[in-house]
Structures are given as C-alpha cells and as structure tokens.
C-alpha cells in the first residue's frame, strides 16, 4: 500500500558543486552525499534536498529553473533575511507581509526560488 510522504526534493542544476557551496552557506549544513553530478542534503525534518546535474539527468531535463519554489519555515523572517543578505544572495522579494504570513524570496545560482516564511497565527 502506498502511503504518501515526501522523501526528497530534487532540483536540476548546472553545477552541483556550486549549488552545494551555496546551500551549505545559507542552510549551514553539509551534504551527506556529494559527487561531480549530484549532491544531497538531509534537512532536520528528515526530508532530503538533492541537486542533480541537468546535463546528466535521465530522462533529459528540458525545463528552466524557477518554475517552483522550495520553502523553509522560520520563526523570525526578518532576522534570517538579514543573515542571508550578508551572504550575497540574490533577493527577488524583501521581507513583506502577505495574506498567509511574513515572507521573503531569494534565488539560488541556477535561479531556483527559495521562499522563507512564517505563517500568520
């Protein structure tokens, strides 16, 4: 019987090592697996976050980055924004209040959107 649960999210990237360095810096964790074409991080909630070279993925990847977001909850959106801003991330949305809560959005080296949020109470 199938029990739906998210095991990992996989993003297709131009350079897995460059992505690894970027995510190590902002997430402050090290990958659990790393090769020239693939990198995997274990997030604290048990979900894995992988980065696979779009040039070696099978089947071939034919869509651009940025069509989805990976989202991370936090207790203090503004404090994390200040911390990440010092790491020279590309910001596409500064901290703002939206209908669901407080949020900001940055881009990774391939243009994947990373949303940080705190849901409204």
Protein backbone atom coordinates (compact mmCIF):
# COMPACT_ATOMS: atom_id res chain seq x y z
CA UNK A 1 0.00 0.00 0.00
CA UNK A 2 1.24 3.47 -0.89
CA UNK A 3 1.47 5.99 1.96
CA UNK A 4 2.18 9.45 0.56
CA UNK A 5 5.09 11.23 2.19
CA UNK A 6 7.77 13.49 0.79
CA UNK A 7 11.15 11.73 0.80
CA UNK A 8 13.16 14.34 -1.04
CA UNK A 9 13.02 17.28 -3.40
CA UNK A 10 15.35 17.21 -6.40
CA UNK A 11 16.45 20.31 -8.29
CA UNK A 12 18.25 20.14 -11.62
CA UNK A 13 21.28 22.45 -11.70
CA UNK A 14 24.13 23.49 -13.98
CA UNK A 15 26.87 22.83 -11.43
CA UNK A 16 26.12 20.63 -8.38
CA UNK A 17 29.34 21.71 -6.60
CA UNK A 18 28.46 25.40 -6.96
CA UNK A 19 24.95 24.65 -5.67
CA UNK A 20 26.44 22.67 -2.80
CA UNK A 21 28.56 25.62 -1.68
CA UNK A 22 25.60 28.00 -1.93
CA UNK A 23 23.28 25.77 0.12
CA UNK A 24 25.99 24.93 2.65
CA UNK A 25 26.39 28.66 3.26
CA UNK A 26 22.72 29.58 3.64
CA UNK A 27 21.49 26.41 5.37
CA UNK A 28 24.62 25.98 7.49
CA UNK A 29 24.71 22.22 6.98
CA UNK A 30 26.98 19.91 5.00
CA UNK A 31 25.85 17.47 2.31
CA UNK A 32 25.51 13.80 3.20
CA UNK A 33 26.40 12.73 -0.35
CA UNK A 34 28.44 14.51 -2.99
CA UNK A 35 29.75 13.56 -6.42
CA UNK A 36 30.59 15.58 -9.56
CA UNK A 37 26.99 15.24 -10.81
CA UNK A 38 24.93 15.01 -7.60
CA UNK A 39 24.69 16.48 -4.10
CA UNK A 40 22.26 15.54 -1.31
CA UNK A 41 21.47 17.35 1.95
CA UNK A 42 19.49 15.87 4.86
CA UNK A 43 17.21 18.52 6.33
CA UNK A 44 16.35 18.48 10.01
CA UNK A 45 12.78 17.24 9.41
CA UNK A 46 14.03 14.15 7.56
CA UNK A 47 13.33 15.41 4.03
CA UNK A 48 16.29 15.20 1.64
CA UNK A 49 17.19 18.02 -0.73
CA UNK A 50 19.12 16.93 -3.82
CA UNK A 51 20.84 18.71 -6.69
CA UNK A 52 21.44 16.74 -9.90
CA UNK A 53 23.34 17.99 -12.94
CA UNK A 54 20.79 18.86 -15.60
CA UNK A 55 23.32 17.62 -18.15
CA UNK A 56 23.44 14.04 -16.81
CA UNK A 57 19.87 13.58 -15.51
CA UNK A 58 17.76 10.87 -17.09
CA UNK A 59 15.35 11.47 -18.68
CA UNK A 60 16.75 14.68 -20.10
CA UNK A 61 15.71 17.91 -18.34
CA UNK A 62 14.12 20.38 -20.73
CA UNK A 63 12.53 23.00 -18.46
CA UNK A 64 14.15 26.12 -17.00
CA UNK A 65 14.71 26.75 -13.29
CA UNK A 66 12.32 28.91 -11.33
CA UNK A 67 9.07 27.13 -12.13
CA UNK A 68 8.68 26.12 -8.48
CA UNK A 69 9.81 27.20 -5.04
CA UNK A 70 11.39 25.39 -2.16
CA UNK A 71 10.06 26.86 1.05
CA UNK A 72 11.55 26.96 4.52
CA UNK A 73 9.61 27.97 7.64
CA UNK A 74 11.30 30.12 10.27
CA UNK A 75 10.27 31.83 13.47
CA UNK A 76 11.94 35.15 12.54
CA UNK A 77 11.74 36.04 8.85
CA UNK A 78 13.47 39.41 9.25
CA UNK A 79 16.41 38.02 11.24
CA UNK A 80 17.04 35.27 8.67
CA UNK A 81 16.74 37.81 5.86
CA UNK A 82 19.43 39.95 7.50
CA UNK A 83 21.66 36.89 7.94
CA UNK A 84 21.24 35.70 4.35
CA UNK A 85 21.65 39.24 2.94
CA UNK A 86 25.20 39.26 4.30
CA UNK A 87 25.88 36.12 2.24
CA UNK A 88 25.25 37.96 -1.03
CA UNK A 89 22.16 36.06 -2.14
CA UNK A 90 20.04 37.43 -4.97
CA UNK A 91 16.89 38.82 -3.37
CA UNK A 92 13.75 38.98 -5.50
CA UNK A 93 11.35 39.80 -2.66
CA UNK A 94 12.36 41.58 0.53
CA UNK A 95 10.51 40.70 3.74
CA UNK A 96 6.86 41.51 3.31
CA UNK A 97 3.51 40.65 4.83
CA UNK A 98 1.24 38.61 2.58
CA UNK A 99 -2.15 37.01 3.17
CA UNK A 100 -0.54 33.80 4.51
CA UNK A 101 2.13 35.47 6.68
CA UNK A 102 5.56 37.14 6.53
CA UNK A 103 7.96 36.07 3.77
CA UNK A 104 10.94 36.81 1.54
CA UNK A 105 12.30 35.13 -1.60
CA UNK A 106 15.87 34.65 -2.89
CA UNK A 107 17.36 32.83 -5.87
CA UNK A 108 20.00 30.11 -5.91
CA UNK A 109 22.79 30.13 -8.54
CA UNK A 110 20.51 28.43 -11.12
CA UNK A 111 17.53 30.72 -10.49
CA UNK A 112 15.51 28.35 -8.30
CA UNK A 113 13.27 30.31 -5.95
CA UNK A 114 13.78 29.88 -2.20
CA UNK A 115 10.93 31.22 -0.06
CA UNK A 116 11.34 31.74 3.68
CA UNK A 117 8.12 32.26 5.60
CA UNK A 118 6.31 32.39 8.91
CA UNK A 119 2.60 31.63 8.70
CA UNK A 120 0.17 34.04 10.29
CA UNK A 121 -1.19 32.90 13.62
